Protein backbone atom coordinates (compact mmCIF):
# COMPACT_ATOMS: atom_id res chain seq x y z
CA UNK A 1 -28.24 -6.17 1.68
CA UNK A 2 -26.74 -5.28 5.06
CA UNK A 3 -25.13 -1.89 5.64
CA UNK A 4 -21.66 -3.47 5.88
CA UNK A 5 -22.17 -5.34 2.60
CA UNK A 6 -23.41 -2.12 1.01
CA UNK A 7 -20.30 -0.34 2.29
CA UNK A 8 -18.09 -2.96 0.64
CA UNK A 9 -20.04 -2.55 -2.60
CA UNK A 10 -19.72 1.24 -2.49
CA UNK A 11 -15.93 0.98 -2.23
CA UNK A 12 -15.80 -1.67 -4.96
CA UNK A 13 -17.76 0.64 -7.27
CA UNK A 14 -16.04 3.87 -6.21
CA UNK A 15 -19.22 5.43 -4.82
CA UNK A 16 -17.52 7.74 -2.33
CA UNK A 17 -20.61 9.72 -1.28
CA UNK A 18 -22.50 6.53 -0.46
CA UNK A 19 -19.47 5.11 1.39
CA UNK A 20 -19.04 8.25 3.48
CA UNK A 21 -22.79 8.35 4.23
CA UNK A 22 -22.82 4.72 5.40
CA UNK A 23 -19.71 5.14 7.59
CA UNK A 24 -21.15 8.31 9.16
CA UNK A 25 -24.57 6.76 9.83
CA UNK A 26 -23.13 3.51 11.18
CA UNK A 27 -20.84 5.36 13.58
CA UNK A 28 -23.88 7.27 14.85
CA UNK A 29 -25.51 3.87 15.50
CA UNK A 30 -22.37 2.82 17.43
CA UNK A 31 -21.52 0.12 14.90
CA UNK A 32 -18.11 -1.36 15.73
CA UNK A 33 -15.37 0.63 14.00
CA UNK A 34 -13.37 -2.54 13.38
CA UNK A 35 -16.30 -4.04 11.45
CA UNK A 36 -16.56 -0.92 9.31
CA UNK A 37 -12.82 -1.07 8.62
CA UNK A 38 -13.10 -4.73 7.62
CA UNK A 39 -15.90 -3.88 5.17
CA UNK A 40 -13.80 -1.10 3.61
CA UNK A 41 -10.72 -3.34 3.30
CA UNK A 42 -12.83 -6.09 1.73
CA UNK A 43 -14.01 -3.61 -0.90
CA UNK A 44 -10.44 -2.61 -1.78
CA UNK A 45 -9.40 -6.27 -1.86
CA UNK A 46 -12.06 -6.90 -4.50
CA UNK A 47 -10.84 -3.86 -6.45
CA UNK A 48 -7.28 -5.21 -6.30
CA UNK A 49 -8.34 -8.64 -7.53
CA UNK A 50 -10.36 -7.18 -10.40
CA UNK A 51 -7.39 -4.96 -11.33
CA UNK A 52 -5.07 -7.98 -11.32
CA UNK A 53 -7.51 -9.85 -13.59
CA UNK A 54 -7.64 -6.88 -16.03
CA UNK A 55 -11.36 -6.46 -15.34
CA UNK A 56 -10.81 -2.82 -14.36
CA UNK A 57 -7.98 -0.36 -14.95
CA UNK A 58 -6.06 2.41 -13.16
CA UNK A 59 -8.83 5.07 -13.33
CA UNK A 60 -11.32 2.75 -11.60
CA UNK A 61 -8.74 1.85 -8.96
CA UNK A 62 -8.07 5.53 -8.27
CA UNK A 63 -11.80 6.24 -7.91
CA UNK A 64 -12.18 3.36 -5.46
CA UNK A 65 -9.10 4.50 -3.55
CA UNK A 66 -10.58 7.99 -3.21
CA UNK A 67 -13.79 6.51 -1.79
CA UNK A 68 -11.67 4.51 0.66
CA UNK A 69 -9.60 7.55 1.63
CA UNK A 70 -12.62 9.77 2.34
CA UNK A 71 -14.27 7.02 4.36
CA UNK A 72 -11.09 6.49 6.38
CA UNK A 73 -10.88 10.24 7.12
CA UNK A 74 -14.09 9.84 9.10
CA UNK A 75 -13.31 6.43 10.56
CA UNK A 76 -9.66 6.91 11.54
CA UNK A 77 -10.20 9.10 14.67
CA UNK A 78 -12.62 6.47 16.01
CA UNK A 79 -10.15 3.69 15.30
CA UNK A 80 -7.39 5.61 17.10
CA UNK A 81 -9.61 6.17 20.13
CA UNK A 82 -10.48 2.46 20.16
CA UNK A 83 -6.80 1.54 19.92
CA UNK A 84 -7.26 -0.09 16.51
CA UNK A 85 -4.36 0.60 14.16
CA UNK A 86 -2.57 -1.10 11.28
CA UNK A 87 -0.42 -3.98 12.49
CA UNK A 88 2.27 -3.53 9.83
CA UNK A 89 4.26 -0.63 8.35
CA UNK A 90 5.69 -0.24 4.87
CA UNK A 91 8.23 2.37 3.72
CA UNK A 92 7.79 3.12 0.02
CA UNK A 93 9.51 5.36 -2.51
CA UNK A 94 10.85 5.75 -6.03
CA UNK A 95 14.62 5.30 -6.00
CA UNK A 96 17.31 7.97 -6.37
CA UNK A 97 17.50 9.64 -9.77
CA UNK A 98 13.96 8.63 -10.74
CA UNK A 99 11.11 11.15 -10.52
CA UNK A 100 8.32 8.85 -11.74
CA UNK A 101 5.72 8.27 -9.06
CA UNK A 102 2.40 7.23 -10.63
CA UNK A 103 2.98 3.50 -10.12
CA UNK A 104 4.45 4.06 -6.68
CA UNK A 105 1.47 6.21 -5.68
CA UNK A 106 -0.94 3.52 -6.86
CA UNK A 107 0.86 0.87 -4.79
CA UNK A 108 0.83 3.18 -1.75
CA UNK A 109 -2.92 3.75 -2.11
CA UNK A 110 -3.61 0.04 -2.50
CA UNK A 111 -1.52 -0.73 0.60
CA UNK A 112 -3.37 1.89 2.63
CA UNK A 113 -6.63 0.37 1.38
CA UNK A 114 -5.41 -3.00 2.66
CA UNK A 115 -4.89 -1.42 6.12
CA UNK A 116 -1.11 -1.07 6.09
CA UNK A 117 0.53 2.01 7.56
CA UNK A 118 2.45 3.54 4.66
CA UNK A 119 5.44 5.86 5.03
CA UNK A 120 5.67 7.39 1.55
CA UNK A 121 9.05 9.02 0.90
CA UNK A 122 8.09 10.26 -2.56
CA UNK A 123 10.47 10.05 -5.50
CA UNK A 124 14.25 10.44 -5.99
CA UNK A 125 14.87 8.70 -2.65
CA UNK A 126 18.49 7.97 -1.73
CA UNK A 127 19.46 4.65 -0.09
CA UNK A 128 20.29 6.34 3.22
CA UNK A 129 16.83 7.95 3.28
CA UNK A 130 15.21 4.51 2.98
CA UNK A 131 17.47 3.25 5.78
CA UNK A 132 16.63 6.20 8.05
CA UNK A 133 12.88 5.81 7.47
CA UNK A 134 13.05 2.08 8.19
CA UNK A 135 15.01 2.68 11.39
CA UNK A 136 12.72 5.43 12.65
CA UNK A 137 9.42 3.74 11.76
CA UNK A 138 10.30 0.15 12.52
CA UNK A 139 8.72 -0.84 9.20
CA UNK A 140 8.91 -4.50 8.26
CA UNK A 141 9.00 -3.78 4.51
CA UNK A 142 10.85 -1.31 2.29
CA UNK A 143 9.24 -1.12 -1.17
CA UNK A 144 11.13 0.50 -4.04
CA UNK A 145 10.01 1.55 -7.51
CA UNK A 146 11.96 2.46 -10.65
CA UNK A 147 10.81 3.30 -14.16
CA UNK A 148 14.25 3.94 -15.64
CA UNK A 149 16.83 1.21 -16.18
CA UNK A 150 19.51 3.78 -15.30
CA UNK A 151 18.12 4.13 -11.75
CA UNK A 152 17.73 0.41 -11.02
CA UNK A 153 21.27 0.15 -9.51
CA UNK A 154 19.99 2.35 -6.66
CA UNK A 155 17.76 -0.56 -5.68
CA UNK A 156 20.82 -2.73 -5.19
CA UNK A 157 22.50 0.05 -3.19
CA UNK A 158 19.45 0.37 -0.96
CA UNK A 159 19.23 -3.38 -0.30
CA UNK A 160 22.93 -3.36 0.61
CA UNK A 161 22.57 -0.24 2.78
CA UNK A 162 19.73 -1.81 4.77
CA UNK A 163 21.81 -4.93 5.38
CA UNK A 164 24.88 -2.84 6.29
CA UNK A 165 22.76 -0.99 8.87
CA UNK A 166 21.96 -4.31 10.49
CA UNK A 167 18.26 -4.12 9.68
CA UNK A 168 16.21 -7.25 9.09
CA UNK A 169 13.76 -5.22 7.01
CA UNK A 170 12.45 -7.13 4.00
CA UNK A 171 12.69 -5.45 0.60
CA UNK A 172 10.36 -5.47 -2.39
CA UNK A 173 10.97 -3.93 -5.81
CA UNK A 174 8.85 -3.16 -8.85
CA UNK A 175 8.45 -0.93 -11.88
CA UNK A 176 8.28 -1.28 -15.65
CA UNK A 177 11.90 -2.43 -16.30
CA UNK A 178 12.21 -4.46 -13.10
CA UNK A 179 12.08 -8.28 -13.19
CA UNK A 180 11.95 -11.12 -10.70
CA UNK A 181 15.41 -12.14 -11.92
CA UNK A 182 16.78 -8.71 -11.01
CA UNK A 183 15.19 -8.92 -7.57
CA UNK A 184 16.95 -12.22 -6.96
CA UNK A 185 20.21 -10.84 -8.36
CA UNK A 186 20.35 -7.90 -5.94
CA UNK A 187 19.07 -9.86 -2.94
CA UNK A 188 15.64 -8.21 -2.67
CA UNK A 189 13.13 -10.30 -0.72
CA UNK A 190 10.30 -9.87 -3.21
CA UNK A 191 9.15 -8.58 -6.60
CA UNK A 192 5.75 -7.37 -7.77
CA UNK A 193 4.75 -6.72 -11.36
CA UNK A 194 1.72 -4.54 -10.51
CA UNK A 195 -0.03 -2.77 -7.63
CA UNK A 196 -2.46 -5.57 -6.79
CA UNK A 197 0.33 -8.15 -6.76
CA UNK A 198 2.35 -5.78 -4.54
CA UNK A 199 -0.36 -5.91 -1.87
CA UNK A 200 -0.41 -9.72 -1.99
CA UNK A 201 3.39 -9.81 -1.81
CA UNK A 202 3.51 -7.49 1.21
CA UNK A 203 0.92 -9.63 2.98
CA UNK A 204 3.00 -12.72 2.28
CA UNK A 205 6.20 -11.06 3.48
CA UNK A 206 4.79 -9.83 6.79
CA UNK A 207 3.19 -13.20 7.53
CA UNK A 208 6.28 -15.24 6.59
């Protein structure tokens, strides 16, 4: 097995020490940083697919994401020097009045693992805060999460606020009570039922 294939496997299996060791050694050998990044992203893509197929669950995803994060800590400065950076930006947050962030955090980690730049606003995020972050970052996507039915109207308010600000930013919503029908009703561009689907949806939206 090649070192790059082994790196992908180490991310897939959440073996962070092995992943960090391979990245470190390969950088010392002057292996192309872009190739290392591609191997890491491939590993997280496999994790996302397995999660979507119910072959693994949240704990395994979190372990893989930690391996990815620690590997990227080493790789990122080299990527910056080489001028390699994520092509797309996503603003993400749990909407106003809602403090739940586990699902949102998982989506954020999966997006980072798929090589998106993620601007995470945290929880209890007001519509104007989403608008400001989208304006300042130039993000193509604003992703919103809600776990309470009582906070879902804030999603509608955010979609409307983005349009009122004249932004062409696409919007995606998700969370336990959220449905595709609700996304269509409020004019959101997309809906994702889980973290792995969210990554696929974001990829579709930025390539559309």
